[in-house]
Amino acid sequence: MRRGAVLAVLLLAGAATVPAHAQGQEGNPRAGRRLAAGVCSSCHGQDGIATLPEAPNLAGQNAAYVAAQLRAYRARERENEQMNIVARELTDGQIADLAAWYAAIEVTATVPGR
């Protein structure tokens, strides 16, 4: 039992040295909102509703999905000239913050005919 307690303490101590974003924790939506206003809003809109027909709406998207796509653009695993340029400058923390912001926007849908 004592060995298990020691192992638990060591694991917790090691986790404390890993940045929160690397642990898969959520980003800061407020920081993401500020970042999106300066970088993303010209195409994806201030509120995550796209202003350009070729840009997707990001409002209400799943945070894990948004983060994965931004990382893919940054690594050039996903190609889009504008997104590759923007994403290459983003840190893991900024990606988590942007993903948290877009996920925090509540979107409602109305099913036609109901």
PDB file of N, CA and C in Angstrom:
ATOM      1  N   MET A   1       0.817  -1.182   0.000  1.00  0.00           N
ATOM      2  CA  MET A   1       0.000   0.000   0.000  1.00  0.00           C
ATOM      3  C   MET A   1       0.866   1.251   0.000  1.00  0.00           C
ATOM      4  N   ARG A   2       1.946   1.216   0.762  1.00  0.00           N
ATOM      5  CA  ARG A   2       2.810   2.386   0.844  1.00  0.00           C
ATOM      6  C   ARG A   2       3.454   2.692  -0.510  1.00  0.00           C
ATOM      7  N   ARG A   3       3.824   1.660  -1.257  1.00  0.00           N
ATOM      8  CA  ARG A   3       4.424   1.857  -2.571  1.00  0.00           C
ATOM      9  C   ARG A   3       3.429   2.556  -3.495  1.00  0.00           C
ATOM     10  N   GLY A   4       2.157   2.218  -3.406  1.00  0.00           N
ATOM     11  CA  GLY A   4       1.124   2.869  -4.212  1.00  0.00           C
ATOM     12  C   GLY A   4       0.985   4.333  -3.867  1.00  0.00           C
ATOM     13  N   ALA A   5       1.090   4.667  -2.581  1.00  0.00           N
ATOM     14  CA  ALA A   5       0.993   6.065  -2.156  1.00  0.00           C
ATOM     15  C   ALA A   5       2.188   6.862  -2.672  1.00  0.00           C
ATOM     16  N   VAL A   6       3.368   6.262  -2.622  1.00  0.00           N
ATOM     17  CA  VAL A   6       4.567   6.937  -3.121  1.00  0.00           C
ATOM     18  C   VAL A   6       4.436   7.160  -4.625  1.00  0.00           C
ATOM     19  N   LEU A   7       3.959   6.162  -5.346  1.00  0.00           N
ATOM     20  CA  LEU A   7       3.782   6.280  -6.787  1.00  0.00           C
ATOM     21  C   LEU A   7       2.781   7.389  -7.108  1.00  0.00           C
ATOM     22  N   ALA A   8       1.698   7.456  -6.369  1.00  0.00           N
ATOM     23  CA  ALA A   8       0.689   8.495  -6.591  1.00  0.00           C
ATOM     24  C   ALA A   8       1.282   9.885  -6.375  1.00  0.00           C
ATOM     25  N   VAL A   9       2.079  10.049  -5.347  1.00  0.00           N
ATOM     26  CA  VAL A   9       2.713  11.345  -5.074  1.00  0.00           C
ATOM     27  C   VAL A   9       3.663  11.715  -6.205  1.00  0.00           C
ATOM     28  N   LEU A  10       4.440  10.751  -6.684  1.00  0.00           N
ATOM     29  CA  LEU A  10       5.371  11.028  -7.773  1.00  0.00           C
ATOM     30  C   LEU A  10       4.634  11.403  -9.052  1.00  0.00           C
ATOM     31  N   LEU A  11       3.549  10.709  -9.343  1.00  0.00           N
ATOM     32  CA  LEU A  11       2.764  11.029 -10.537  1.00  0.00           C
ATOM     33  C   LEU A  11       2.163  12.422 -10.440  1.00  0.00           C
ATOM     34  N   LEU A  12       1.627  12.770  -9.287  1.00  0.00           N
ATOM     35  CA  LEU A  12       1.055  14.094  -9.101  1.00  0.00           C
ATOM     36  C   LEU A  12       2.124  15.171  -9.191  1.00  0.00           C
ATOM     37  N   ALA A  13       3.274  14.920  -8.632  1.00  0.00           N
ATOM     38  CA  ALA A  13       4.364  15.890  -8.695  1.00  0.00           C
ATOM     39  C   ALA A  13       4.812  16.090 -10.137  1.00  0.00           C
ATOM     40  N   GLY A  14       4.879  15.021 -10.888  1.00  0.00           N
ATOM     41  CA  GLY A  14       5.250  15.124 -12.302  1.00  0.00           C
ATOM     42  C   GLY A  14       4.201  15.847 -13.116  1.00  0.00           C
ATOM     43  N   ALA A  15       2.936  15.622 -12.825  1.00  0.00           N
ATOM     44  CA  ALA A  15       1.862  16.294 -13.545  1.00  0.00           C
ATOM     45  C   ALA A  15       1.875  17.787 -13.288  1.00  0.00           C
ATOM     46  N   ALA A  16       2.319  18.191 -12.116  1.00  0.00           N
ATOM     47  CA  ALA A  16       2.348  19.612 -11.783  1.00  0.00           C
ATOM     48  C   ALA A  16       3.364  20.366 -12.619  1.00  0.00           C
ATOM     49  N   THR A  17       4.354  19.674 -13.173  1.00  0.00           N
ATOM     50  CA  THR A  17       5.371  20.351 -13.975  1.00  0.00           C
ATOM     51  C   THR A  17       4.995  20.421 -15.445  1.00  0.00           C
ATOM     52  N   VAL A  18       3.929  19.737 -15.849  1.00  0.00           N
ATOM     53  CA  VAL A  18       3.477  19.748 -17.234  1.00  0.00           C
ATOM     54  C   VAL A  18       2.470  20.879 -17.393  1.00  0.00           C
ATOM     55  N   PRO A  19       2.616  21.723 -18.416  1.00  0.00           N
ATOM     56  CA  PRO A  19       1.659  22.800 -18.609  1.00  0.00           C
ATOM     57  C   PRO A  19       0.232  22.281 -18.714  1.00  0.00           C
ATOM     58  N   ALA A  20      -0.723  23.078 -18.240  1.00  0.00           N
ATOM     59  CA  ALA A  20      -2.132  22.665 -18.228  1.00  0.00           C
ATOM     60  C   ALA A  20      -2.611  22.276 -19.616  1.00  0.00           C
ATOM     61  N   HIS A  21      -2.205  23.029 -20.656  1.00  0.00           N
ATOM     62  CA  HIS A  21      -2.680  22.731 -22.001  1.00  0.00           C
ATOM     63  C   HIS A  21      -2.150  21.384 -22.486  1.00  0.00           C
ATOM     64  N   ALA A  22      -0.963  20.999 -22.068  1.00  0.00           N
ATOM     65  CA  ALA A  22      -0.398  19.720 -22.466  1.00  0.00           C
ATOM     66  C   ALA A  22      -1.109  18.570 -21.784  1.00  0.00           C
ATOM     67  N   GLN A  23      -1.782  18.861 -20.675  1.00  0.00           N
ATOM     68  CA  GLN A  23      -2.522  17.826 -19.970  1.00  0.00           C
ATOM     69  C   GLN A  23      -3.917  17.645 -20.543  1.00  0.00           C
ATOM     70  N   GLY A  24      -4.267  18.405 -21.566  1.00  0.00           N
ATOM     71  CA  GLY A  24      -5.571  18.270 -22.178  1.00  0.00           C
ATOM     72  C   GLY A  24      -6.656  19.047 -21.457  1.00  0.00           C
ATOM     73  N   GLN A  25      -6.276  19.958 -20.559  1.00  0.00           N
ATOM     74  CA  GLN A  25      -7.270  20.751 -19.870  1.00  0.00           C
ATOM     75  C   GLN A  25      -7.759  21.847 -20.805  1.00  0.00           C
ATOM     76  N   GLU A  26      -8.928  22.368 -20.472  1.00  0.00           N
ATOM     77  CA  GLU A  26      -9.534  23.395 -21.297  1.00  0.00           C
ATOM     78  C   GLU A  26      -8.727  24.674 -21.266  1.00  0.00           C
ATOM     79  N   GLY A  27      -8.835  25.417 -22.359  1.00  0.00           N
ATOM     80  CA  GLY A  27      -8.216  26.722 -22.439  1.00  0.00           C
ATOM     81  C   GLY A  27      -9.102  27.766 -21.777  1.00  0.00           C
ATOM     82  N   ASN A  28      -8.697  28.996 -21.901  1.00  0.00           N
ATOM     83  CA  ASN A  28      -9.393  30.125 -21.313  1.00  0.00           C
ATOM     84  C   ASN A  28     -10.242  30.803 -22.386  1.00  0.00           C
ATOM     85  N   PRO A  29     -11.580  30.690 -22.300  1.00  0.00           N
ATOM     86  CA  PRO A  29     -12.438  31.290 -23.325  1.00  0.00           C
ATOM     87  C   PRO A  29     -12.269  32.805 -23.451  1.00  0.00           C
ATOM     88  N   ARG A  30     -12.034  33.487 -22.337  1.00  0.00           N
ATOM     89  CA  ARG A  30     -11.865  34.946 -22.399  1.00  0.00           C
ATOM     90  C   ARG A  30     -10.608  35.317 -23.185  1.00  0.00           C
ATOM     91  N   ALA A  31      -9.525  34.582 -22.946  1.00  0.00           N
ATOM     92  CA  ALA A  31      -8.295  34.823 -23.701  1.00  0.00           C
ATOM     93  C   ALA A  31      -8.511  34.466 -25.169  1.00  0.00           C
ATOM     94  N   GLY A  32      -9.239  33.390 -25.411  1.00  0.00           N
ATOM     95  CA  GLY A  32      -9.550  32.985 -26.778  1.00  0.00           C
ATOM     96  C   GLY A  32     -10.389  34.023 -27.500  1.00  0.00           C
ATOM     97  N   ARG A  33     -11.330  34.633 -26.789  1.00  0.00           N
ATOM     98  CA  ARG A  33     -12.166  35.685 -27.390  1.00  0.00           C
ATOM     99  C   ARG A  33     -11.300  36.867 -27.825  1.00  0.00           C
ATOM    100  N   ARG A  34     -10.372  37.278 -26.965  1.00  0.00           N
ATOM    101  CA  ARG A  34      -9.484  38.391 -27.309  1.00  0.00           C
ATOM    102  C   ARG A  34      -8.618  38.040 -28.530  1.00  0.00           C
ATOM    103  N   LEU A  35      -8.093  36.834 -28.549  1.00  0.00           N
ATOM    104  CA  LEU A  35      -7.257  36.407 -29.665  1.00  0.00           C
ATOM    105  C   LEU A  35      -8.071  36.321 -30.955  1.00  0.00           C
ATOM    106  N   ALA A  36      -9.256  35.761 -30.868  1.00  0.00           N
ATOM    107  CA  ALA A  36     -10.116  35.619 -32.043  1.00  0.00           C
ATOM    108  C   ALA A  36     -10.492  36.977 -32.620  1.00  0.00           C
ATOM    109  N   ALA A  37     -10.708  37.959 -31.758  1.00  0.00           N
ATOM    110  CA  ALA A  37     -11.084  39.299 -32.220  1.00  0.00           C
ATOM    111  C   ALA A  37      -9.988  39.905 -33.088  1.00  0.00           C
ATOM    112  N   GLY A  38      -8.749  39.590 -32.778  1.00  0.00           N
ATOM    113  CA  GLY A  38      -7.645  40.162 -33.527  1.00  0.00           C
ATOM    114  C   GLY A  38      -7.204  39.346 -34.725  1.00  0.00           C
ATOM    115  N   VAL A  39      -7.425  38.062 -34.696  1.00  0.00           N
ATOM    116  CA  VAL A  39      -6.859  37.192 -35.725  1.00  0.00           C
ATOM    117  C   VAL A  39      -7.930  36.518 -36.588  1.00  0.00           C
ATOM    118  N   CYS A  40      -8.969  36.030 -35.967  1.00  0.00           N
ATOM    119  CA  CYS A  40      -9.912  35.141 -36.643  1.00  0.00           C
ATOM    120  C   CYS A  40     -11.173  35.825 -37.176  1.00  0.00           C
ATOM    121  N   SER A  41     -11.529  36.947 -36.571  1.00  0.00           N
ATOM    122  CA  SER A  41     -12.840  37.542 -36.839  1.00  0.00           C
ATOM    123  C   SER A  41     -13.017  38.042 -38.267  1.00  0.00           C
ATOM    124  N   SER A  42     -11.944  38.380 -38.955  1.00  0.00           N
ATOM    125  CA  SER A  42     -12.108  38.887 -40.319  1.00  0.00           C
ATOM    126  C   SER A  42     -12.704  37.839 -41.258  1.00  0.00           C
ATOM    127  N   CYS A  43     -12.507  36.581 -40.970  1.00  0.00           N
ATOM    128  CA  CYS A  43     -13.085  35.506 -41.788  1.00  0.00           C
ATOM    129  C   CYS A  43     -14.205  34.760 -41.061  1.00  0.00           C
ATOM    130  N   HIS A  44     -13.979  34.474 -39.778  1.00  0.00           N
ATOM    131  CA  HIS A  44     -14.911  33.637 -39.017  1.00  0.00           C
ATOM    132  C   HIS A  44     -15.897  34.442 -38.184  1.00  0.00           C
ATOM    133  N   GLY A  45     -15.824  35.766 -38.258  1.00  0.00           N
ATOM    134  CA  GLY A  45     -16.762  36.627 -37.559  1.00  0.00           C
ATOM    135  C   GLY A  45     -16.426  36.803 -36.091  1.00  0.00           C
ATOM    136  N   GLN A  46     -16.849  37.934 -35.538  1.00  0.00           N
ATOM    137  CA  GLN A  46     -16.608  38.253 -34.132  1.00  0.00           C
ATOM    138  C   GLN A  46     -17.229  37.219 -33.206  1.00  0.00           C
ATOM    139  N   ASP A  47     -18.368  36.658 -33.607  1.00  0.00           N
ATOM    140  CA  ASP A  47     -19.102  35.706 -32.775  1.00  0.00           C
ATOM    141  C   ASP A  47     -19.001  34.270 -33.281  1.00  0.00           C
ATOM    142  N   GLY A  48     -18.054  34.021 -34.177  1.00  0.00           N
ATOM    143  CA  GLY A  48     -17.860  32.662 -34.699  1.00  0.00           C
ATOM    144  C   GLY A  48     -18.767  32.309 -35.858  1.00  0.00           C
ATOM    145  N   ILE A  49     -19.569  33.274 -36.329  1.00  0.00           N
ATOM    146  CA  ILE A  49     -20.403  33.064 -37.510  1.00  0.00           C
ATOM    147  C   ILE A  49     -19.660  33.710 -38.674  1.00  0.00           C
ATOM    148  N   ALA A  50     -19.275  32.895 -39.636  1.00  0.00           N
ATOM    149  CA  ALA A  50     -18.399  33.327 -40.720  1.00  0.00           C
ATOM    150  C   ALA A  50     -18.946  34.521 -41.490  1.00  0.00           C
ATOM    151  N   THR A  51     -18.023  35.403 -41.860  1.00  0.00           N
ATOM    152  CA  THR A  51     -18.364  36.566 -42.670  1.00  0.00           C
ATOM    153  C   THR A  51     -18.051  36.321 -44.140  1.00  0.00           C
ATOM    154  N   LEU A  52     -17.291  35.306 -44.426  1.00  0.00           N
ATOM    155  CA  LEU A  52     -16.954  34.940 -45.800  1.00  0.00           C
ATOM    156  C   LEU A  52     -17.626  33.616 -46.150  1.00  0.00           C
ATOM    157  N   PRO A  53     -18.143  33.479 -47.369  1.00  0.00           N
ATOM    158  CA  PRO A  53     -18.852  32.239 -47.731  1.00  0.00           C
ATOM    159  C   PRO A  53     -17.980  30.989 -47.680  1.00  0.00           C
ATOM    160  N   GLU A  54     -16.674  31.139 -47.916  1.00  0.00           N
ATOM    161  CA  GLU A  54     -15.794  29.961 -47.917  1.00  0.00           C
ATOM    162  C   GLU A  54     -15.241  29.606 -46.535  1.00  0.00           C
ATOM    163  N   ALA A  55     -15.518  30.439 -45.540  1.00  0.00           N
ATOM    164  CA  ALA A  55     -15.028  30.176 -44.175  1.00  0.00           C
ATOM    165  C   ALA A  55     -16.123  29.473 -43.370  1.00  0.00           C
ATOM    166  N   PRO A  56     -15.750  28.480 -42.590  1.00  0.00           N
ATOM    167  CA  PRO A  56     -16.761  27.783 -41.777  1.00  0.00           C
ATOM    168  C   PRO A  56     -17.151  28.578 -40.531  1.00  0.00           C
ATOM    169  N   ASN A  57     -18.357  28.347 -40.065  1.00  0.00           N
ATOM    170  CA  ASN A  57     -18.778  28.868 -38.766  1.00  0.00           C
ATOM    171  C   ASN A  57     -18.045  28.070 -37.700  1.00  0.00           C
ATOM    172  N   LEU A  58     -17.556  28.750 -36.687  1.00  0.00           N
ATOM    173  CA  LEU A  58     -16.851  28.079 -35.602  1.00  0.00           C
ATOM    174  C   LEU A  58     -17.634  28.111 -34.294  1.00  0.00           C
ATOM    175  N   ALA A  59     -18.651  28.945 -34.224  1.00  0.00           N
ATOM    176  CA  ALA A  59     -19.462  29.060 -33.008  1.00  0.00           C
ATOM    177  C   ALA A  59     -20.064  27.707 -32.642  1.00  0.00           C
ATOM    178  N   GLY A  60     -19.877  27.317 -31.385  1.00  0.00           N
ATOM    179  CA  GLY A  60     -20.467  26.087 -30.877  1.00  0.00           C
ATOM    180  C   GLY A  60     -19.733  24.810 -31.253  1.00  0.00           C
ATOM    181  N   GLN A  61     -18.625  24.929 -31.967  1.00  0.00           N
ATOM    182  CA  GLN A  61     -17.882  23.729 -32.342  1.00  0.00           C
ATOM    183  C   GLN A  61     -17.252  23.080 -31.110  1.00  0.00           C
ATOM    184  N   ASN A  62     -17.074  21.790 -31.169  1.00  0.00           N
ATOM    185  CA  ASN A  62     -16.425  21.029 -30.106  1.00  0.00           C
ATOM    186  C   ASN A  62     -14.979  21.499 -29.959  1.00  0.00           C
ATOM    187  N   ALA A  63     -14.572  21.786 -28.731  1.00  0.00           N
ATOM    188  CA  ALA A  63     -13.236  22.318 -28.480  1.00  0.00           C
ATOM    189  C   ALA A  63     -12.133  21.371 -28.959  1.00  0.00           C
ATOM    190  N   ALA A  64     -12.301  20.085 -28.728  1.00  0.00           N
ATOM    191  CA  ALA A  64     -11.278  19.120 -29.153  1.00  0.00           C
ATOM    192  C   ALA A  64     -11.133  19.125 -30.670  1.00  0.00           C
ATOM    193  N   TYR A  65     -12.239  19.271 -31.378  1.00  0.00           N
ATOM    194  CA  TYR A  65     -12.208  19.318 -32.840  1.00  0.00           C
ATOM    195  C   TYR A  65     -11.479  20.563 -33.332  1.00  0.00           C
ATOM    196  N   VAL A  66     -11.845  21.729 -32.782  1.00  0.00           N
ATOM    197  CA  VAL A  66     -11.202  22.978 -33.195  1.00  0.00           C
ATOM    198  C   VAL A  66      -9.704  22.915 -32.918  1.00  0.00           C
ATOM    199  N   ALA A  67      -9.329  22.451 -31.746  1.00  0.00           N
ATOM    200  CA  ALA A  67      -7.912  22.353 -31.393  1.00  0.00           C
ATOM    201  C   ALA A  67      -7.174  21.411 -32.344  1.00  0.00           C
ATOM    202  N   ALA A  68      -7.768  20.282 -32.647  1.00  0.00           N
ATOM    203  CA  ALA A  68      -7.128  19.312 -33.546  1.00  0.00           C
ATOM    204  C   ALA A  68      -6.930  19.905 -34.942  1.00  0.00           C
ATOM    205  N   GLN A  69      -7.920  20.649 -35.426  1.00  0.00           N
ATOM    206  CA  GLN A  69      -7.801  21.241 -36.755  1.00  0.00           C
ATOM    207  C   GLN A  69      -6.739  22.334 -36.779  1.00  0.00           C
ATOM    208  N   LEU A  70      -6.688  23.163 -35.736  1.00  0.00           N
ATOM    209  CA  LEU A  70      -5.663  24.203 -35.686  1.00  0.00           C
ATOM    210  C   LEU A  70      -4.263  23.605 -35.611  1.00  0.00           C
ATOM    211  N   ARG A  71      -4.119  22.532 -34.837  1.00  0.00           N
ATOM    212  CA  ARG A  71      -2.809  21.859 -34.780  1.00  0.00           C
ATOM    213  C   ARG A  71      -2.447  21.259 -36.143  1.00  0.00           C
ATOM    214  N   ALA A  72      -3.434  20.717 -36.843  1.00  0.00           N
ATOM    215  CA  ALA A  72      -3.187  20.147 -38.173  1.00  0.00           C
ATOM    216  C   ALA A  72      -2.785  21.232 -39.171  1.00  0.00           C
ATOM    217  N   TYR A  73      -3.425  22.394 -39.111  1.00  0.00           N
ATOM    218  CA  TYR A  73      -3.015  23.509 -39.970  1.00  0.00           C
ATOM    219  C   TYR A  73      -1.596  23.958 -39.626  1.00  0.00           C
ATOM    220  N   ARG A  74      -1.313  24.044 -38.342  1.00  0.00           N
ATOM    221  CA  ARG A  74       0.018  24.487 -37.901  1.00  0.00           C
ATOM    222  C   ARG A  74       1.097  23.526 -38.401  1.00  0.00           C
ATOM    223  N   ALA A  75       0.826  22.236 -38.356  1.00  0.00           N
ATOM    224  CA  ALA A  75       1.794  21.220 -38.788  1.00  0.00           C
ATOM    225  C   ALA A  75       1.771  20.991 -40.298  1.00  0.00           C
ATOM    226  N   ARG A  76       0.885  21.703 -40.995  1.00  0.00           N
ATOM    227  CA  ARG A  76       0.686  21.560 -42.441  1.00  0.00           C
ATOM    228  C   ARG A  76       0.204  20.164 -42.811  1.00  0.00           C
ATOM    229  N   GLU A  77      -0.442  19.492 -41.878  1.00  0.00           N
ATOM    230  CA  GLU A  77      -1.090  18.213 -42.164  1.00  0.00           C
ATOM    231  C   GLU A  77      -2.435  18.464 -42.836  1.00  0.00           C
ATOM    232  N   ARG A  78      -2.943  19.667 -42.680  1.00  0.00           N
ATOM    233  CA  ARG A  78      -4.158  20.118 -43.336  1.00  0.00           C
ATOM    234  C   ARG A  78      -3.781  21.397 -44.062  1.00  0.00           C
ATOM    235  N   GLU A  79      -4.159  21.508 -45.334  1.00  0.00           N
ATOM    236  CA  GLU A  79      -3.706  22.618 -46.166  1.00  0.00           C
ATOM    237  C   GLU A  79      -4.811  23.632 -46.448  1.00  0.00           C
ATOM    238  N   ASN A  80      -4.511  24.860 -46.139  1.00  0.00           N
ATOM    239  CA  ASN A  80      -5.279  26.022 -46.543  1.00  0.00           C
ATOM    240  C   ASN A  80      -4.313  27.181 -46.391  1.00  0.00           C
ATOM    241  N   GLU A  81      -4.050  27.883 -47.471  1.00  0.00           N
ATOM    242  CA  GLU A  81      -2.994  28.894 -47.454  1.00  0.00           C
ATOM    243  C   GLU A  81      -3.132  29.877 -46.289  1.00  0.00           C
ATOM    244  N   GLN A  82      -4.311  30.441 -46.118  1.00  0.00           N
ATOM    245  CA  GLN A  82      -4.510  31.435 -45.060  1.00  0.00           C
ATOM    246  C   GLN A  82      -4.410  30.791 -43.672  1.00  0.00           C
ATOM    247  N   MET A  83      -5.044  29.646 -43.478  1.00  0.00           N
ATOM    248  CA  MET A  83      -5.029  28.995 -42.165  1.00  0.00           C
ATOM    249  C   MET A  83      -3.641  28.498 -41.792  1.00  0.00           C
ATOM    250  N   ASN A  84      -2.880  28.014 -42.763  1.00  0.00           N
ATOM    251  CA  ASN A  84      -1.511  27.578 -42.471  1.00  0.00           C
ATOM    252  C   ASN A  84      -0.654  28.747 -41.990  1.00  0.00           C
ATOM    253  N   ILE A  85      -0.852  29.922 -42.595  1.00  0.00           N
ATOM    254  CA  ILE A  85      -0.099  31.109 -42.188  1.00  0.00           C
ATOM    255  C   ILE A  85      -0.491  31.524 -40.769  1.00  0.00           C
ATOM    256  N   VAL A  86      -1.783  31.581 -40.493  1.00  0.00           N
ATOM    257  CA  VAL A  86      -2.262  32.008 -39.170  1.00  0.00           C
ATOM    258  C   VAL A  86      -1.864  30.996 -38.100  1.00  0.00           C
ATOM    259  N   ALA A  87      -2.097  29.725 -38.370  1.00  0.00           N
ATOM    260  CA  ALA A  87      -1.889  28.687 -37.347  1.00  0.00           C
ATOM    261  C   ALA A  87      -0.419  28.469 -37.011  1.00  0.00           C
ATOM    262  N   ARG A  88       0.470  28.720 -37.938  1.00  0.00           N
ATOM    263  CA  ARG A  88       1.892  28.447 -37.658  1.00  0.00           C
ATOM    264  C   ARG A  88       2.421  29.303 -36.514  1.00  0.00           C
ATOM    265  N   GLU A  89       1.779  30.430 -36.241  1.00  0.00           N
ATOM    266  CA  GLU A  89       2.209  31.330 -35.171  1.00  0.00           C
ATOM    267  C   GLU A  89       1.554  31.014 -33.830  1.00  0.00           C
ATOM    268  N   LEU A  90       0.562  30.126 -33.804  1.00  0.00           N
ATOM    269  CA  LEU A  90      -0.181  29.844 -32.573  1.00  0.00           C
ATOM    270  C   LEU A  90       0.572  28.875 -31.666  1.00  0.00           C
ATOM    271  N   THR A  91       0.568  29.173 -30.386  1.00  0.00           N
ATOM    272  CA  THR A  91       1.121  28.254 -29.390  1.00  0.00           C
ATOM    273  C   THR A  91       0.039  27.241 -29.017  1.00  0.00           C
ATOM    274  N   ASP A  92       0.434  26.187 -28.313  1.00  0.00           N
ATOM    275  CA  ASP A  92      -0.555  25.220 -27.823  1.00  0.00           C
ATOM    276  C   ASP A  92      -1.567  25.898 -26.911  1.00  0.00           C
ATOM    277  N   GLY A  93      -1.106  26.813 -26.074  1.00  0.00           N
ATOM    278  CA  GLY A  93      -2.001  27.533 -25.174  1.00  0.00           C
ATOM    279  C   GLY A  93      -3.006  28.390 -25.926  1.00  0.00           C
ATOM    280  N   GLN A  94      -2.559  29.075 -26.962  1.00  0.00           N
ATOM    281  CA  GLN A  94      -3.465  29.905 -27.760  1.00  0.00           C
ATOM    282  C   GLN A  94      -4.487  29.043 -28.494  1.00  0.00           C
ATOM    283  N   ILE A  95      -4.054  27.894 -28.975  1.00  0.00           N
ATOM    284  CA  ILE A  95      -4.986  26.976 -29.634  1.00  0.00           C
ATOM    285  C   ILE A  95      -6.050  26.512 -28.639  1.00  0.00           C
ATOM    286  N   ALA A  96      -5.637  26.156 -27.439  1.00  0.00           N
ATOM    287  CA  ALA A  96      -6.600  25.738 -26.407  1.00  0.00           C
ATOM    288  C   ALA A  96      -7.563  26.872 -26.068  1.00  0.00           C
ATOM    289  N   ASP A  97      -7.051  28.094 -25.997  1.00  0.00           N
ATOM    290  CA  ASP A  97      -7.898  29.243 -25.679  1.00  0.00           C
ATOM    291  C   ASP A  97      -8.908  29.500 -26.794  1.00  0.00           C
ATOM    292  N   LEU A  98      -8.464  29.459 -28.042  1.00  0.00           N
ATOM    293  CA  LEU A  98      -9.390  29.657 -29.162  1.00  0.00           C
ATOM    294  C   LEU A  98     -10.460  28.565 -29.190  1.00  0.00           C
ATOM    295  N   ALA A  99     -10.038  27.336 -28.993  1.00  0.00           N
ATOM    296  CA  ALA A  99     -10.992  26.226 -28.990  1.00  0.00           C
ATOM    297  C   ALA A  99     -12.017  26.390 -27.871  1.00  0.00           C
ATOM    298  N   ALA A 100     -11.567  26.826 -26.708  1.00  0.00           N
ATOM    299  CA  ALA A 100     -12.477  27.042 -25.580  1.00  0.00           C
ATOM    300  C   ALA A 100     -13.463  28.160 -25.885  1.00  0.00           C
ATOM    301  N   TRP A 101     -12.993  29.230 -26.543  1.00  0.00           N
ATOM    302  CA  TRP A 101     -13.871  30.350 -26.889  1.00  0.00           C
ATOM    303  C   TRP A 101     -14.971  29.905 -27.849  1.00  0.00           C
ATOM    304  N   TYR A 102     -14.598  29.261 -28.931  1.00  0.00           N
ATOM    305  CA  TYR A 102     -15.607  28.861 -29.909  1.00  0.00           C
ATOM    306  C   TYR A 102     -16.569  27.824 -29.340  1.00  0.00           C
ATOM    307  N   ALA A 103     -16.074  26.933 -28.495  1.00  0.00           N
ATOM    308  CA  ALA A 103     -16.947  25.934 -27.862  1.00  0.00           C
ATOM    309  C   ALA A 103     -17.907  26.582 -26.867  1.00  0.00           C
ATOM    310  N   ALA A 104     -17.503  27.699 -26.277  1.00  0.00           N
ATOM    311  CA  ALA A 104     -18.339  28.363 -25.266  1.00  0.00           C
ATOM    312  C   ALA A 104     -19.520  29.120 -25.878  1.00  0.00           C
ATOM    313  N   ILE A 105     -19.466  29.392 -27.174  1.00  0.00           N
ATOM    314  CA  ILE A 105     -20.562  30.112 -27.826  1.00  0.00           C
ATOM    315  C   ILE A 105     -21.733  29.154 -27.998  1.00  0.00           C
ATOM    316  N   GLU A 106     -22.869  29.537 -27.458  1.00  0.00           N
ATOM    317  CA  GLU A 106     -24.054  28.692 -27.551  1.00  0.00           C
ATOM    318  C   GLU A 106     -24.766  28.929 -28.880  1.00  0.00           C
ATOM    319  N   VAL A 107     -25.081  27.846 -29.541  1.00  0.00           N
ATOM    320  CA  VAL A 107     -25.764  27.897 -30.832  1.00  0.00           C
ATOM    321  C   VAL A 107     -27.054  27.105 -30.686  1.00  0.00           C
ATOM    322  N   THR A 108     -28.131  27.653 -31.226  1.00  0.00           N
ATOM    323  CA  THR A 108     -29.394  26.929 -31.238  1.00  0.00           C
ATOM    324  C   THR A 108     -29.755  26.607 -32.678  1.00  0.00           C
ATOM    325  N   ALA A 109     -30.489  25.543 -32.842  1.00  0.00           N
ATOM    326  CA  ALA A 109     -30.918  25.126 -34.176  1.00  0.00           C
ATOM    327  C   ALA A 109     -32.416  24.888 -34.179  1.00  0.00           C
ATOM    328  N   THR A 110     -33.024  25.203 -35.285  1.00  0.00           N
ATOM    329  CA  THR A 110     -34.449  24.963 -35.458  1.00  0.00           C
ATOM    330  C   THR A 110     -34.604  23.968 -36.592  1.00  0.00           C
ATOM    331  N   VAL A 111     -35.281  22.878 -36.320  1.00  0.00           N
ATOM    332  CA  VAL A 111     -35.516  21.852 -37.324  1.00  0.00           C
ATOM    333  C   VAL A 111     -36.720  22.309 -38.167  1.00  0.00           C
ATOM    334  N   PRO A 112     -36.578  22.355 -39.503  1.00  0.00           N
ATOM    335  CA  PRO A 112     -37.681  22.807 -40.338  1.00  0.00           C
ATOM    336  C   PRO A 112     -38.899  21.878 -40.214  1.00  0.00           C
ATOM    337  N   GLY A 113     -40.058  22.463 -40.304  1.00  0.00           N
ATOM    338  CA  GLY A 113     -41.278  21.672 -40.275  1.00  0.00           C
ATOM    339  C   GLY A 113     -41.748  21.259 -38.903  1.00  0.00           C
ATOM    340  N   ARG A 114     -41.210  21.823 -37.854  1.00  0.00           N
ATOM    341  CA  ARG A 114     -41.655  21.473 -36.502  1.00  0.00           C
ATOM    342  C   ARG A 114     -42.269  22.638 -35.829  1.00  0.00           C
TER     343      ARG A 114
END
